[in-house]
């Protein structure tokens, strides 16, 4: 499902116009992004939680040449599914 299909499904389920559903989805994405930039955790009970963790610097290999390379440390976004979501997907 892409963003347009998600907006359409949200509008249908909530009885909203597509424009209002798109605004709501965009607001959710923007708010979640801002929180994650501040290293906050966003938890939606039953659905799951978004968090940021730091991946340490490490050594890797160039698959074409086999030469060792340095991979820098970086922050990554993690999502952990909640119990309700996990149960419904099975």
C-alpha atoms as a PDB file:
ATOM      1  CA  UNK A   1       0.000   0.000   0.000  1.00  0.00           C
ATOM      2  CA  UNK A   2       1.408   3.393  -0.962  1.00  0.00           C
ATOM      3  CA  UNK A   3       0.636   6.773   0.608  1.00  0.00           C
ATOM      4  CA  UNK A   4      -2.249   7.592  -1.755  1.00  0.00           C
ATOM      5  CA  UNK A   5      -3.897   4.232  -1.067  1.00  0.00           C
ATOM      6  CA  UNK A   6      -3.417   4.725   2.676  1.00  0.00           C
ATOM      7  CA  UNK A   7      -5.013   8.179   2.521  1.00  0.00           C
ATOM      8  CA  UNK A   8      -7.959   6.746   0.590  1.00  0.00           C
ATOM      9  CA  UNK A   9      -8.418   3.906   3.104  1.00  0.00           C
ATOM     10  CA  UNK A  10      -8.164   6.302   6.059  1.00  0.00           C
ATOM     11  CA  UNK A  11     -10.730   8.641   4.500  1.00  0.00           C
ATOM     12  CA  UNK A  12     -13.102   5.756   3.881  1.00  0.00           C
ATOM     13  CA  UNK A  13     -12.741   4.218   7.364  1.00  0.00           C
ATOM     14  CA  UNK A  14     -13.016   7.525   9.255  1.00  0.00           C
ATOM     15  CA  UNK A  15     -15.677   9.136   7.067  1.00  0.00           C
ATOM     16  CA  UNK A  16     -13.339  11.992   6.133  1.00  0.00           C
ATOM     17  CA  UNK A  17     -12.571  13.673   2.858  1.00  0.00           C
ATOM     18  CA  UNK A  18      -9.351  12.589   1.184  1.00  0.00           C
ATOM     19  CA  UNK A  19      -7.934  16.077   1.770  1.00  0.00           C
ATOM     20  CA  UNK A  20      -8.604  15.854   5.523  1.00  0.00           C
ATOM     21  CA  UNK A  21      -7.181  12.323   5.715  1.00  0.00           C
ATOM     22  CA  UNK A  22      -4.041  13.488   3.866  1.00  0.00           C
ATOM     23  CA  UNK A  23      -3.655  16.413   6.294  1.00  0.00           C
ATOM     24  CA  UNK A  24      -4.009  14.036   9.258  1.00  0.00           C
ATOM     25  CA  UNK A  25      -1.449  11.582   7.854  1.00  0.00           C
ATOM     26  CA  UNK A  26       0.998  14.384   7.007  1.00  0.00           C
ATOM     27  CA  UNK A  27       0.584  15.816  10.521  1.00  0.00           C
ATOM     28  CA  UNK A  28       1.278  12.384  12.044  1.00  0.00           C
ATOM     29  CA  UNK A  29       4.401  11.932   9.914  1.00  0.00           C
ATOM     30  CA  UNK A  30       5.703  15.448  10.677  1.00  0.00           C
ATOM     31  CA  UNK A  31       5.037  15.178  14.412  1.00  0.00           C
ATOM     32  CA  UNK A  32       6.650  11.745  14.619  1.00  0.00           C
ATOM     33  CA  UNK A  33       9.680  12.953  12.649  1.00  0.00           C
ATOM     34  CA  UNK A  34      10.147  15.960  14.947  1.00  0.00           C
ATOM     35  CA  UNK A  35       9.932  13.751  18.043  1.00  0.00           C
ATOM     36  CA  UNK A  36      12.454  11.259  16.655  1.00  0.00           C
ATOM     37  CA  UNK A  37      14.865  14.077  15.753  1.00  0.00           C
ATOM     38  CA  UNK A  38      14.817  15.005  19.463  1.00  0.00           C
ATOM     39  CA  UNK A  39      15.554  11.348  20.357  1.00  0.00           C
ATOM     40  CA  UNK A  40      12.054  10.965  21.824  1.00  0.00           C
ATOM     41  CA  UNK A  41      10.143   7.700  21.608  1.00  0.00           C
ATOM     42  CA  UNK A  42       6.679   7.636  20.009  1.00  0.00           C
ATOM     43  CA  UNK A  43       4.510   4.884  21.497  1.00  0.00           C
ATOM     44  CA  UNK A  44       1.056   4.008  20.203  1.00  0.00           C
ATOM     45  CA  UNK A  45      -0.424   1.492  22.644  1.00  0.00           C
ATOM     46  CA  UNK A  46      -1.470  -1.669  20.829  1.00  0.00           C
ATOM     47  CA  UNK A  47       0.096  -0.581  17.545  1.00  0.00           C
ATOM     48  CA  UNK A  48       3.786  -0.182  18.300  1.00  0.00           C
ATOM     49  CA  UNK A  49       6.561   2.256  19.058  1.00  0.00           C
ATOM     50  CA  UNK A  50       9.081   4.239  17.051  1.00  0.00           C
ATOM     51  CA  UNK A  51      12.489   4.992  18.558  1.00  0.00           C
ATOM     52  CA  UNK A  52      15.981   6.060  17.543  1.00  0.00           C
ATOM     53  CA  UNK A  53      19.089   4.043  18.277  1.00  0.00           C
ATOM     54  CA  UNK A  54      22.728   4.580  17.433  1.00  0.00           C
ATOM     55  CA  UNK A  55      24.545   2.077  15.272  1.00  0.00           C
ATOM     56  CA  UNK A  56      28.233   1.970  16.209  1.00  0.00           C
ATOM     57  CA  UNK A  57      31.043   2.524  13.738  1.00  0.00           C
ATOM     58  CA  UNK A  58      32.364  -0.699  12.281  1.00  0.00           C
ATOM     59  CA  UNK A  59      34.552  -2.255   9.621  1.00  0.00           C
ATOM     60  CA  UNK A  60      33.028  -3.587   6.422  1.00  0.00           C
ATOM     61  CA  UNK A  61      34.148  -4.947   3.084  1.00  0.00           C
ATOM     62  CA  UNK A  62      33.646  -3.665  -0.424  1.00  0.00           C
ATOM     63  CA  UNK A  63      31.931  -6.662  -2.095  1.00  0.00           C
ATOM     64  CA  UNK A  64      33.551  -5.947  -5.465  1.00  0.00           C
ATOM     65  CA  UNK A  65      37.148  -5.582  -4.356  1.00  0.00           C
ATOM     66  CA  UNK A  66      37.164  -7.246  -0.947  1.00  0.00           C
ATOM     67  CA  UNK A  67      38.945  -4.172   0.424  1.00  0.00           C
ATOM     68  CA  UNK A  68      38.199  -3.279   4.050  1.00  0.00           C
ATOM     69  CA  UNK A  69      36.298  -0.013   4.572  1.00  0.00           C
ATOM     70  CA  UNK A  70      35.223   2.042   7.586  1.00  0.00           C
ATOM     71  CA  UNK A  71      31.483   2.437   8.134  1.00  0.00           C
ATOM     72  CA  UNK A  72      30.637   5.505  10.219  1.00  0.00           C
ATOM     73  CA  UNK A  73      28.348   5.453  13.246  1.00  0.00           C
ATOM     74  CA  UNK A  74      24.820   6.643  12.545  1.00  0.00           C
ATOM     75  CA  UNK A  75      21.365   6.966  14.036  1.00  0.00           C
ATOM     76  CA  UNK A  76      18.642   4.644  12.774  1.00  0.00           C
ATOM     77  CA  UNK A  77      14.876   4.576  13.317  1.00  0.00           C
ATOM     78  CA  UNK A  78      13.427   1.405  14.813  1.00  0.00           C
ATOM     79  CA  UNK A  79       9.827   0.238  14.949  1.00  0.00           C
ATOM     80  CA  UNK A  80       8.661  -2.400  17.392  1.00  0.00           C
ATOM     81  CA  UNK A  81       5.183  -3.774  16.769  1.00  0.00           C
ATOM     82  CA  UNK A  82       2.763  -3.864  19.701  1.00  0.00           C
ATOM     83  CA  UNK A  83       1.060  -7.019  20.935  1.00  0.00           C
ATOM     84  CA  UNK A  84      -2.331  -6.176  19.372  1.00  0.00           C
ATOM     85  CA  UNK A  85      -0.813  -5.526  15.947  1.00  0.00           C
ATOM     86  CA  UNK A  86       1.334  -8.644  16.205  1.00  0.00           C
ATOM     87  CA  UNK A  87      -1.699 -10.765  17.094  1.00  0.00           C
ATOM     88  CA  UNK A  88      -3.800  -9.445  14.204  1.00  0.00           C
ATOM     89  CA  UNK A  89      -1.109 -10.062  11.597  1.00  0.00           C
ATOM     90  CA  UNK A  90      -0.587 -13.736  12.436  1.00  0.00           C
END
